[in-house]
N, C-alpha and C. Protein backbone atom coordinates (compact mmCIF):
# COMPACT_ATOMS: atom_id res chain seq x y z
N PRO A 1 26.65 12.40 -1.44
CA PRO A 1 26.55 10.95 -1.42
C PRO A 1 25.82 10.46 -0.17
N SER A 2 25.19 9.30 -0.28
CA SER A 2 24.40 8.79 0.83
C SER A 2 25.22 8.01 1.84
N CYS A 3 26.45 7.66 1.54
CA CYS A 3 27.30 6.92 2.48
C CYS A 3 28.37 7.85 3.03
N ARG A 4 28.78 7.60 4.26
CA ARG A 4 29.80 8.44 4.90
C ARG A 4 31.15 7.74 4.88
N ARG A 5 31.68 7.44 3.74
CA ARG A 5 32.97 6.78 3.62
C ARG A 5 33.84 7.57 2.66
N PRO A 6 35.15 7.37 2.73
CA PRO A 6 36.01 8.01 1.73
C PRO A 6 35.55 7.59 0.33
N ARG A 7 35.63 8.50 -0.60
CA ARG A 7 35.12 8.24 -1.95
C ARG A 7 35.65 6.94 -2.54
N SER A 8 36.90 6.61 -2.31
CA SER A 8 37.48 5.39 -2.90
C SER A 8 36.87 4.11 -2.33
N LEU A 9 36.30 4.18 -1.12
CA LEU A 9 35.72 2.99 -0.50
C LEU A 9 34.19 3.02 -0.52
N ASN A 10 33.61 4.01 -1.14
CA ASN A 10 32.18 4.23 -1.07
C ASN A 10 31.42 3.29 -2.01
N PRO A 11 30.66 2.30 -1.46
CA PRO A 11 29.92 1.39 -2.33
C PRO A 11 28.73 2.07 -2.98
N CYS A 12 28.37 3.27 -2.56
CA CYS A 12 27.24 3.98 -3.14
C CYS A 12 27.69 5.03 -4.14
N ARG A 13 28.98 5.04 -4.49
CA ARG A 13 29.53 6.04 -5.40
C ARG A 13 28.70 6.10 -6.68
N GLY A 14 28.36 7.28 -7.08
CA GLY A 14 27.62 7.47 -8.32
C GLY A 14 26.11 7.45 -8.13
N MET A 15 25.64 7.08 -6.96
CA MET A 15 24.21 7.06 -6.70
C MET A 15 23.82 8.42 -6.12
N HIS A 16 22.83 9.05 -6.72
CA HIS A 16 22.40 10.36 -6.26
C HIS A 16 21.13 10.28 -5.44
N ARG A 17 20.50 9.13 -5.41
CA ARG A 17 19.27 8.96 -4.64
C ARG A 17 19.57 8.06 -3.45
N PRO A 18 18.78 8.17 -2.37
CA PRO A 18 18.98 7.27 -1.23
C PRO A 18 18.89 5.82 -1.70
N ALA A 19 19.68 4.95 -1.08
CA ALA A 19 19.74 3.56 -1.53
C ALA A 19 19.14 2.63 -0.49
N PRO A 20 17.89 2.20 -0.69
CA PRO A 20 17.34 1.17 0.20
C PRO A 20 17.72 -0.21 -0.34
N ALA A 21 17.91 -1.12 0.56
CA ALA A 21 18.23 -2.49 0.18
C ALA A 21 16.98 -3.35 0.37
N VAL A 22 16.71 -4.23 -0.57
CA VAL A 22 15.56 -5.12 -0.49
C VAL A 22 16.07 -6.52 -0.16
N LEU A 23 15.63 -7.02 0.99
CA LEU A 23 15.99 -8.35 1.46
C LEU A 23 14.76 -9.23 1.36
N GLY A 24 14.72 -10.07 0.34
CA GLY A 24 13.61 -11.00 0.18
C GLY A 24 14.03 -12.38 0.66
N GLY A 25 13.06 -13.23 0.86
CA GLY A 25 13.36 -14.59 1.27
C GLY A 25 12.14 -15.28 1.82
N SER A 26 12.30 -16.55 2.11
CA SER A 26 11.21 -17.33 2.67
C SER A 26 10.94 -16.94 4.12
N PHE A 27 11.99 -16.68 4.89
CA PHE A 27 11.88 -16.38 6.31
C PHE A 27 11.01 -17.45 6.99
N ASP A 28 11.41 -18.69 6.79
CA ASP A 28 10.61 -19.84 7.24
C ASP A 28 11.43 -20.80 8.08
N PRO A 29 11.70 -20.45 9.33
CA PRO A 29 11.33 -19.24 10.05
C PRO A 29 12.44 -18.20 9.97
N PRO A 30 12.11 -16.94 10.32
CA PRO A 30 13.19 -15.95 10.42
C PRO A 30 14.06 -16.30 11.63
N HIS A 31 15.35 -16.01 11.53
CA HIS A 31 16.29 -16.35 12.61
C HIS A 31 17.30 -15.23 12.81
N LEU A 32 18.20 -15.44 13.75
CA LEU A 32 19.19 -14.43 14.10
C LEU A 32 19.99 -13.96 12.88
N GLY A 33 20.36 -14.88 12.01
CA GLY A 33 21.11 -14.49 10.81
C GLY A 33 20.33 -13.49 9.96
N HIS A 34 19.02 -13.73 9.78
CA HIS A 34 18.19 -12.78 9.03
C HIS A 34 18.17 -11.42 9.74
N THR A 35 18.02 -11.44 11.05
CA THR A 35 17.93 -10.20 11.82
C THR A 35 19.23 -9.42 11.75
N LEU A 36 20.36 -10.11 11.68
CA LEU A 36 21.65 -9.42 11.64
C LEU A 36 22.00 -8.85 10.27
N ILE A 37 21.37 -9.32 9.21
CA ILE A 37 21.68 -8.79 7.87
C ILE A 37 21.43 -7.29 7.80
N PRO A 38 20.25 -6.78 8.23
CA PRO A 38 20.08 -5.32 8.21
C PRO A 38 21.11 -4.58 9.09
N THR A 39 21.46 -5.16 10.23
CA THR A 39 22.49 -4.56 11.09
C THR A 39 23.79 -4.41 10.30
N TYR A 40 24.20 -5.47 9.62
CA TYR A 40 25.42 -5.47 8.81
C TYR A 40 25.35 -4.41 7.71
N LEU A 41 24.24 -4.38 6.98
CA LEU A 41 24.09 -3.44 5.86
C LEU A 41 24.13 -1.99 6.32
N LEU A 42 23.40 -1.70 7.39
CA LEU A 42 23.32 -0.33 7.88
C LEU A 42 24.64 0.12 8.53
N ALA A 43 25.25 -0.77 9.30
CA ALA A 43 26.51 -0.43 9.97
C ALA A 43 27.64 -0.20 8.97
N ARG A 44 27.64 -0.94 7.88
CA ARG A 44 28.68 -0.78 6.86
C ARG A 44 28.40 0.39 5.91
N GLY A 45 27.23 1.02 6.04
CA GLY A 45 26.89 2.12 5.15
C GLY A 45 26.54 1.68 3.75
N LEU A 46 26.11 0.44 3.59
CA LEU A 46 25.80 -0.10 2.27
C LEU A 46 24.41 0.33 1.79
N CYS A 47 23.60 0.86 2.70
CA CYS A 47 22.28 1.35 2.36
C CYS A 47 21.81 2.26 3.49
N GLU A 48 20.70 2.94 3.26
CA GLU A 48 20.15 3.81 4.29
C GLU A 48 18.94 3.20 4.97
N ARG A 49 18.26 2.32 4.27
CA ARG A 49 17.08 1.64 4.80
C ARG A 49 17.08 0.23 4.25
N VAL A 50 16.36 -0.66 4.94
CA VAL A 50 16.22 -2.04 4.46
C VAL A 50 14.73 -2.36 4.43
N LEU A 51 14.28 -2.87 3.31
CA LEU A 51 12.91 -3.34 3.16
C LEU A 51 12.99 -4.87 3.13
N VAL A 52 12.36 -5.51 4.08
CA VAL A 52 12.37 -6.97 4.19
C VAL A 52 11.05 -7.47 3.64
N ALA A 53 11.10 -8.39 2.68
CA ALA A 53 9.89 -8.85 2.00
C ALA A 53 9.81 -10.37 1.98
N PRO A 54 9.05 -10.95 2.91
CA PRO A 54 8.82 -12.40 2.83
C PRO A 54 8.14 -12.74 1.50
N THR A 55 8.58 -13.81 0.87
CA THR A 55 8.02 -14.19 -0.42
C THR A 55 6.65 -14.82 -0.25
N TRP A 56 5.80 -14.61 -1.24
CA TRP A 56 4.45 -15.17 -1.22
C TRP A 56 4.49 -16.65 -1.61
N SER A 57 5.12 -16.92 -2.74
CA SER A 57 5.25 -18.30 -3.22
C SER A 57 6.65 -18.46 -3.81
N HIS A 58 7.26 -19.59 -3.55
CA HIS A 58 8.65 -19.79 -3.97
C HIS A 58 8.69 -20.17 -5.45
N PRO A 59 9.55 -19.51 -6.24
CA PRO A 59 9.61 -19.80 -7.68
C PRO A 59 10.09 -21.22 -8.00
N PHE A 60 10.76 -21.87 -7.04
CA PHE A 60 11.21 -23.24 -7.26
C PHE A 60 10.35 -24.23 -6.48
N ALA A 61 9.09 -23.84 -6.22
CA ALA A 61 8.06 -24.68 -5.60
C ALA A 61 8.44 -25.21 -4.22
N LYS A 62 9.20 -24.45 -3.48
CA LYS A 62 9.56 -24.83 -2.11
C LYS A 62 8.32 -24.70 -1.23
N LYS A 63 8.02 -25.73 -0.47
CA LYS A 63 6.87 -25.69 0.43
C LYS A 63 7.21 -24.78 1.60
N MET A 64 6.26 -23.89 1.96
CA MET A 64 6.51 -22.92 3.02
C MET A 64 5.33 -22.84 3.98
N THR A 65 5.62 -22.38 5.19
CA THR A 65 4.61 -22.06 6.19
C THR A 65 3.73 -20.94 5.59
N PRO A 66 2.44 -20.87 5.96
CA PRO A 66 1.58 -19.82 5.41
C PRO A 66 2.18 -18.42 5.55
N PHE A 67 1.90 -17.61 4.55
CA PHE A 67 2.47 -16.26 4.46
C PHE A 67 2.21 -15.44 5.71
N ALA A 68 0.98 -15.41 6.19
CA ALA A 68 0.63 -14.56 7.34
C ALA A 68 1.48 -14.91 8.56
N GLU A 69 1.75 -16.19 8.77
CA GLU A 69 2.58 -16.60 9.91
C GLU A 69 4.03 -16.16 9.73
N ARG A 70 4.57 -16.35 8.52
CA ARG A 70 5.95 -15.93 8.26
C ARG A 70 6.08 -14.41 8.36
N MET A 71 5.06 -13.70 7.90
CA MET A 71 5.06 -12.24 7.96
C MET A 71 5.08 -11.76 9.42
N ALA A 72 4.22 -12.35 10.25
CA ALA A 72 4.15 -11.96 11.66
C ALA A 72 5.47 -12.24 12.37
N LEU A 73 6.06 -13.41 12.13
CA LEU A 73 7.33 -13.76 12.76
C LEU A 73 8.46 -12.86 12.28
N THR A 74 8.44 -12.52 11.00
CA THR A 74 9.48 -11.65 10.45
C THR A 74 9.37 -10.25 11.05
N ARG A 75 8.15 -9.76 11.21
CA ARG A 75 7.97 -8.45 11.85
C ARG A 75 8.52 -8.45 13.28
N LEU A 76 8.25 -9.54 14.01
CA LEU A 76 8.79 -9.64 15.37
C LEU A 76 10.32 -9.66 15.35
N ALA A 77 10.90 -10.43 14.43
CA ALA A 77 12.35 -10.56 14.36
C ALA A 77 13.03 -9.24 14.00
N MET A 78 12.39 -8.45 13.15
CA MET A 78 13.00 -7.21 12.67
C MET A 78 12.66 -5.98 13.51
N ALA A 79 11.76 -6.12 14.48
CA ALA A 79 11.31 -4.98 15.28
C ALA A 79 12.47 -4.29 16.00
N VAL A 80 13.52 -5.02 16.30
CA VAL A 80 14.68 -4.48 16.99
C VAL A 80 15.32 -3.30 16.24
N HIS A 81 15.13 -3.23 14.93
CA HIS A 81 15.79 -2.23 14.10
C HIS A 81 15.09 -0.88 14.06
N GLY A 82 13.86 -0.81 14.48
CA GLY A 82 13.14 0.46 14.42
C GLY A 82 12.75 0.84 13.00
N GLU A 83 12.69 2.14 12.74
CA GLU A 83 12.15 2.65 11.48
C GLU A 83 13.04 2.46 10.27
N ARG A 84 14.31 2.14 10.45
CA ARG A 84 15.20 1.98 9.29
C ARG A 84 15.01 0.64 8.59
N VAL A 85 14.24 -0.26 9.20
CA VAL A 85 13.96 -1.56 8.60
C VAL A 85 12.45 -1.74 8.57
N GLU A 86 11.92 -1.94 7.38
CA GLU A 86 10.48 -2.13 7.19
C GLU A 86 10.23 -3.55 6.70
N VAL A 87 9.29 -4.24 7.33
CA VAL A 87 8.85 -5.55 6.83
C VAL A 87 7.60 -5.28 6.01
N SER A 88 7.65 -5.61 4.73
CA SER A 88 6.61 -5.23 3.78
C SER A 88 5.79 -6.42 3.32
N ASP A 89 4.51 -6.17 3.10
CA ASP A 89 3.60 -7.18 2.54
C ASP A 89 3.48 -7.04 1.03
N VAL A 90 4.46 -6.40 0.40
CA VAL A 90 4.40 -6.17 -1.04
C VAL A 90 4.20 -7.47 -1.82
N GLU A 91 4.74 -8.57 -1.35
CA GLU A 91 4.57 -9.85 -2.07
C GLU A 91 3.11 -10.30 -2.06
N ALA A 92 2.38 -10.07 -0.98
CA ALA A 92 0.96 -10.41 -0.93
C ALA A 92 0.17 -9.55 -1.92
N ARG A 93 0.52 -8.28 -2.00
CA ARG A 93 -0.15 -7.38 -2.94
C ARG A 93 0.14 -7.79 -4.38
N LEU A 94 1.38 -8.19 -4.66
CA LEU A 94 1.72 -8.66 -6.01
C LEU A 94 0.97 -9.94 -6.34
N ALA A 95 0.86 -10.85 -5.36
CA ALA A 95 0.15 -12.11 -5.59
C ALA A 95 -1.32 -11.85 -5.89
N ALA A 96 -1.92 -10.89 -5.21
CA ALA A 96 -3.33 -10.57 -5.44
C ALA A 96 -3.56 -10.07 -6.86
N SER A 97 -2.56 -9.38 -7.43
CA SER A 97 -2.72 -8.85 -8.78
C SER A 97 -2.34 -9.84 -9.88
N ARG A 98 -1.49 -10.82 -9.57
CA ARG A 98 -1.02 -11.73 -10.61
C ARG A 98 -1.70 -13.09 -10.57
N GLY A 99 -2.32 -13.45 -9.47
CA GLY A 99 -2.94 -14.76 -9.34
C GLY A 99 -1.99 -15.77 -8.74
N ASP A 100 -2.07 -17.00 -9.19
CA ASP A 100 -1.33 -18.09 -8.58
C ASP A 100 0.12 -18.25 -9.05
N GLY A 101 0.61 -17.38 -9.88
CA GLY A 101 1.97 -17.52 -10.38
C GLY A 101 3.01 -17.37 -9.28
N PRO A 102 4.23 -17.81 -9.56
CA PRO A 102 5.30 -17.72 -8.55
C PRO A 102 5.77 -16.29 -8.32
N SER A 103 6.36 -16.07 -7.17
CA SER A 103 6.98 -14.79 -6.84
C SER A 103 8.36 -14.73 -7.47
N TYR A 104 8.65 -13.64 -8.15
CA TYR A 104 9.97 -13.45 -8.74
C TYR A 104 10.62 -12.20 -8.15
N SER A 105 11.91 -12.28 -7.88
CA SER A 105 12.64 -11.13 -7.33
C SER A 105 12.55 -9.92 -8.23
N TYR A 106 12.60 -10.14 -9.54
CA TYR A 106 12.53 -9.01 -10.47
C TYR A 106 11.23 -8.23 -10.27
N ASP A 107 10.11 -8.95 -10.18
CA ASP A 107 8.81 -8.30 -10.00
C ASP A 107 8.76 -7.55 -8.67
N LEU A 108 9.30 -8.18 -7.62
CA LEU A 108 9.35 -7.53 -6.31
C LEU A 108 10.14 -6.23 -6.38
N LEU A 109 11.32 -6.28 -6.96
CA LEU A 109 12.18 -5.10 -7.04
C LEU A 109 11.55 -4.00 -7.88
N ARG A 110 10.92 -4.37 -8.99
CA ARG A 110 10.24 -3.37 -9.83
C ARG A 110 9.09 -2.71 -9.05
N ALA A 111 8.34 -3.51 -8.30
CA ALA A 111 7.23 -2.96 -7.51
C ALA A 111 7.74 -1.99 -6.45
N VAL A 112 8.82 -2.36 -5.77
CA VAL A 112 9.39 -1.47 -4.75
C VAL A 112 9.90 -0.19 -5.41
N ALA A 113 10.55 -0.31 -6.56
CA ALA A 113 11.07 0.87 -7.27
C ALA A 113 9.92 1.78 -7.71
N GLN A 114 8.80 1.20 -8.14
CA GLN A 114 7.65 2.01 -8.55
C GLN A 114 6.99 2.69 -7.35
N GLU A 115 6.94 1.99 -6.22
CA GLU A 115 6.35 2.58 -5.01
C GLU A 115 7.24 3.68 -4.43
N HIS A 116 8.55 3.58 -4.68
CA HIS A 116 9.51 4.53 -4.11
C HIS A 116 10.45 5.06 -5.20
N PRO A 117 9.92 5.88 -6.12
CA PRO A 117 10.77 6.35 -7.23
C PRO A 117 11.92 7.23 -6.77
N GLU A 118 11.86 7.73 -5.54
CA GLU A 118 12.96 8.57 -5.03
C GLU A 118 14.17 7.74 -4.63
N PHE A 119 14.03 6.41 -4.62
CA PHE A 119 15.10 5.53 -4.17
C PHE A 119 15.81 4.85 -5.33
N GLN A 120 17.08 4.54 -5.13
CA GLN A 120 17.85 3.67 -6.01
C GLN A 120 17.83 2.30 -5.34
N VAL A 121 16.87 1.47 -5.70
CA VAL A 121 16.64 0.18 -5.04
C VAL A 121 17.76 -0.80 -5.37
N ARG A 122 18.22 -1.53 -4.33
CA ARG A 122 19.26 -2.54 -4.51
C ARG A 122 18.80 -3.85 -3.90
N LEU A 123 19.22 -4.94 -4.47
CA LEU A 123 18.91 -6.29 -4.00
C LEU A 123 19.98 -6.76 -3.03
N VAL A 124 19.56 -7.46 -1.98
CA VAL A 124 20.51 -8.07 -1.04
C VAL A 124 20.49 -9.58 -1.27
N ILE A 125 21.67 -10.17 -1.50
CA ILE A 125 21.78 -11.63 -1.65
C ILE A 125 23.03 -12.10 -0.90
N GLY A 126 23.04 -13.37 -0.58
CA GLY A 126 24.20 -13.97 0.07
C GLY A 126 25.22 -14.41 -0.96
N SER A 127 26.48 -14.46 -0.54
CA SER A 127 27.54 -14.90 -1.44
C SER A 127 27.33 -16.35 -1.88
N ASP A 128 26.57 -17.13 -1.10
CA ASP A 128 26.27 -18.50 -1.51
C ASP A 128 25.47 -18.51 -2.81
N ILE A 129 24.57 -17.56 -2.99
CA ILE A 129 23.73 -17.47 -4.19
C ILE A 129 24.61 -17.20 -5.41
N THR A 130 25.57 -16.29 -5.27
CA THR A 130 26.40 -15.94 -6.43
C THR A 130 27.43 -17.04 -6.72
N LEU A 131 28.05 -17.59 -5.68
CA LEU A 131 29.10 -18.58 -5.93
C LEU A 131 28.57 -19.94 -6.37
N ARG A 132 27.37 -20.28 -5.98
CA ARG A 132 26.76 -21.54 -6.44
C ARG A 132 26.18 -21.41 -7.85
N GLY A 133 26.13 -20.20 -8.38
CA GLY A 133 25.54 -19.98 -9.70
C GLY A 133 24.03 -19.97 -9.67
N GLU A 134 23.45 -19.81 -8.49
CA GLU A 134 21.98 -19.83 -8.38
C GLU A 134 21.34 -18.60 -9.01
N LEU A 135 22.03 -17.47 -8.98
CA LEU A 135 21.46 -16.25 -9.54
C LEU A 135 21.08 -16.44 -11.01
N GLU A 136 21.88 -17.20 -11.73
CA GLU A 136 21.62 -17.41 -13.16
C GLU A 136 20.33 -18.20 -13.41
N ARG A 137 19.80 -18.88 -12.38
CA ARG A 137 18.54 -19.63 -12.50
C ARG A 137 17.33 -18.74 -12.25
N TRP A 138 17.56 -17.53 -11.76
CA TRP A 138 16.47 -16.63 -11.42
C TRP A 138 15.82 -16.07 -12.68
N HIS A 139 14.54 -15.81 -12.59
CA HIS A 139 13.78 -15.15 -13.65
C HIS A 139 14.36 -13.76 -13.91
N ARG A 140 14.76 -13.51 -15.15
CA ARG A 140 15.31 -12.21 -15.58
C ARG A 140 16.51 -11.78 -14.73
N TYR A 141 17.37 -12.75 -14.40
CA TYR A 141 18.51 -12.44 -13.52
C TYR A 141 19.42 -11.35 -14.08
N GLU A 142 19.58 -11.28 -15.40
CA GLU A 142 20.44 -10.24 -15.98
C GLU A 142 19.85 -8.86 -15.73
N ASP A 143 18.51 -8.75 -15.83
CA ASP A 143 17.84 -7.49 -15.54
C ASP A 143 17.93 -7.14 -14.06
N VAL A 144 17.80 -8.16 -13.21
CA VAL A 144 17.94 -7.93 -11.77
C VAL A 144 19.31 -7.33 -11.48
N ALA A 145 20.37 -7.96 -12.01
CA ALA A 145 21.74 -7.49 -11.76
C ALA A 145 21.98 -6.11 -12.35
N ALA A 146 21.42 -5.84 -13.52
CA ALA A 146 21.66 -4.56 -14.19
C ALA A 146 20.88 -3.41 -13.56
N GLU A 147 19.65 -3.67 -13.15
CA GLU A 147 18.79 -2.59 -12.66
C GLU A 147 18.86 -2.38 -11.14
N PHE A 148 19.23 -3.41 -10.39
CA PHE A 148 19.13 -3.35 -8.93
C PHE A 148 20.44 -3.81 -8.28
N THR A 149 21.54 -3.23 -8.69
CA THR A 149 22.88 -3.56 -8.26
C THR A 149 22.91 -4.34 -6.94
N PRO A 150 23.16 -5.64 -7.00
CA PRO A 150 23.13 -6.45 -5.77
C PRO A 150 24.20 -6.07 -4.76
N ILE A 151 23.79 -6.14 -3.51
CA ILE A 151 24.72 -6.06 -2.38
C ILE A 151 24.91 -7.50 -1.94
N VAL A 152 26.13 -8.01 -2.04
CA VAL A 152 26.41 -9.40 -1.72
C VAL A 152 26.94 -9.49 -0.28
N VAL A 153 26.21 -10.22 0.56
CA VAL A 153 26.60 -10.41 1.96
C VAL A 153 27.45 -11.67 2.06
N PRO A 154 28.70 -11.57 2.56
CA PRO A 154 29.57 -12.75 2.65
C PRO A 154 29.03 -13.77 3.65
N ARG A 155 28.91 -15.03 3.18
CA ARG A 155 28.45 -16.12 4.05
C ARG A 155 29.54 -17.15 4.25
N MET A 156 29.55 -17.75 5.43
CA MET A 156 30.53 -18.77 5.78
C MET A 156 30.54 -19.87 4.72
N GLY A 157 31.74 -20.23 4.29
CA GLY A 157 31.89 -21.26 3.27
C GLY A 157 31.82 -20.73 1.85
N PHE A 158 31.41 -19.47 1.71
CA PHE A 158 31.26 -18.87 0.38
C PHE A 158 31.96 -17.52 0.29
N ALA A 159 32.88 -17.29 1.21
CA ALA A 159 33.68 -16.07 1.24
C ALA A 159 34.90 -16.35 2.11
N GLU A 160 35.89 -15.48 2.00
CA GLU A 160 37.06 -15.61 2.85
C GLU A 160 36.62 -15.46 4.30
N PRO A 161 37.13 -16.30 5.21
CA PRO A 161 36.69 -16.25 6.61
C PRO A 161 36.75 -14.86 7.24
N GLU A 162 37.75 -14.07 6.90
CA GLU A 162 37.87 -12.74 7.50
C GLU A 162 36.81 -11.76 6.98
N GLN A 163 36.13 -12.10 5.88
CA GLN A 163 35.06 -11.25 5.35
C GLN A 163 33.71 -11.53 6.00
N VAL A 164 33.56 -12.71 6.58
CA VAL A 164 32.27 -13.14 7.12
C VAL A 164 32.04 -12.48 8.48
N ALA A 165 30.92 -11.76 8.58
CA ALA A 165 30.62 -11.04 9.82
C ALA A 165 29.36 -11.58 10.50
N LEU A 166 28.67 -12.52 9.87
CA LEU A 166 27.42 -13.04 10.40
C LEU A 166 27.54 -14.51 10.76
N PRO A 167 26.79 -14.97 11.76
CA PRO A 167 26.85 -16.39 12.13
C PRO A 167 26.25 -17.26 11.03
N GLU A 168 26.72 -18.48 10.95
CA GLU A 168 26.21 -19.43 9.96
C GLU A 168 25.02 -20.16 10.56
N ILE A 169 23.84 -19.91 10.02
CA ILE A 169 22.62 -20.56 10.46
C ILE A 169 21.66 -20.57 9.28
N SER A 170 20.75 -21.54 9.26
CA SER A 170 19.80 -21.59 8.16
C SER A 170 18.42 -21.98 8.66
N SER A 171 17.40 -21.50 7.96
CA SER A 171 16.03 -21.86 8.29
C SER A 171 15.81 -23.35 8.09
N THR A 172 16.47 -23.93 7.09
CA THR A 172 16.35 -25.37 6.84
C THR A 172 16.81 -26.16 8.07
N ALA A 173 17.95 -25.77 8.64
CA ALA A 173 18.45 -26.45 9.83
C ALA A 173 17.47 -26.28 11.00
N ILE A 174 16.95 -25.08 11.17
CA ILE A 174 16.00 -24.83 12.27
C ILE A 174 14.76 -25.70 12.11
N ARG A 175 14.20 -25.77 10.90
CA ARG A 175 13.02 -26.62 10.68
C ARG A 175 13.34 -28.08 10.99
N GLY A 176 14.54 -28.54 10.63
CA GLY A 176 14.95 -29.91 10.93
C GLY A 176 15.03 -30.17 12.42
N TRP A 177 15.61 -29.22 13.15
CA TRP A 177 15.70 -29.38 14.61
C TRP A 177 14.32 -29.37 15.25
N LEU A 178 13.44 -28.50 14.75
CA LEU A 178 12.08 -28.46 15.30
C LEU A 178 11.33 -29.77 15.04
N ALA A 179 11.55 -30.34 13.88
CA ALA A 179 10.89 -31.61 13.54
C ALA A 179 11.37 -32.74 14.45
N ARG A 180 12.59 -32.63 14.98
CA ARG A 180 13.17 -33.66 15.84
C ARG A 180 13.31 -33.14 17.27
N PHE A 181 12.39 -32.30 17.71
CA PHE A 181 12.52 -31.64 19.00
C PHE A 181 12.66 -32.61 20.17
N ASP A 182 12.15 -33.82 20.02
CA ASP A 182 12.28 -34.81 21.09
C ASP A 182 13.72 -35.29 21.27
N ALA A 183 14.56 -35.10 20.26
CA ALA A 183 15.95 -35.53 20.34
C ALA A 183 16.79 -34.49 21.09
N ALA A 184 17.65 -34.96 21.97
CA ALA A 184 18.47 -34.08 22.80
C ALA A 184 19.36 -33.17 21.95
N ASP A 185 19.95 -33.70 20.87
CA ASP A 185 20.84 -32.89 20.04
C ASP A 185 20.08 -31.77 19.34
N ALA A 186 18.82 -32.03 18.94
CA ALA A 186 18.02 -31.00 18.29
C ALA A 186 17.67 -29.88 19.28
N ARG A 187 17.28 -30.25 20.50
CA ARG A 187 16.97 -29.24 21.52
C ARG A 187 18.22 -28.42 21.86
N ALA A 188 19.37 -29.08 21.93
CA ALA A 188 20.62 -28.37 22.23
C ALA A 188 20.96 -27.38 21.11
N ALA A 189 20.77 -27.80 19.87
CA ALA A 189 21.06 -26.90 18.73
C ALA A 189 20.13 -25.70 18.74
N LEU A 190 18.88 -25.91 19.06
CA LEU A 190 17.92 -24.80 19.13
C LEU A 190 18.23 -23.85 20.27
N ALA A 191 18.75 -24.39 21.36
CA ALA A 191 19.08 -23.55 22.52
C ALA A 191 20.34 -22.73 22.32
N ALA A 192 21.20 -23.18 21.40
CA ALA A 192 22.50 -22.50 21.18
C ALA A 192 22.35 -21.14 20.54
C-alpha cells in the first residue's frame, strides 16, 4: 500500500498504484490556505504527490486574472514543497486543444490520468463544495466522483471544528482587501 497507516485507517486501501492528488482552482491569488493544502494531504498520507493546476477559464464564467500571472504566483506559492508538489500548465494545454470552451474538472482529471497511467488520480476539494451541493453543478460530477475518488479537505464552517486543520482564508477576501488597500482595515487584514 502507498500509505503508512494501519489498514483500518488507510484512506488508500485497495489502491495498488501511487495516488497523486489533483488540486485545481482559480488561485486568484494563491494564498497561505492553498499552500497548506498539499502540506495537509502529504502529512496525513492521503496521497504521495500533489499536482496543482490553475484553471484556464472558469466554468461558471468567473472573471480571473490572466492565466500566466496566476500560474507564476502559484509556482512561487508552492515552491516551498519541493518535488512532491508540481504546478502544472495542463489547463493551458487543454485550452489550446479545445478552443474557447470552459475548463472542466473532469477533463483536467482525465488528462492527468492519461499523462500518468501509473497513477490512481484523485481530486482534492473542500468540504464547502460538498456540503453546499456545488459538486452536483459540476460537469459530469458523477463521473468525477466515480473515477477520481475525491479527497475532501475539512474547511471552517463546513466541518466539525476539531477536524479543521487549515486557516480560514479566501482569494475573494484577499482581492477585496487589495481593492480597498487605502483603508486601514484592509491593510491590517492583509498584514495578518
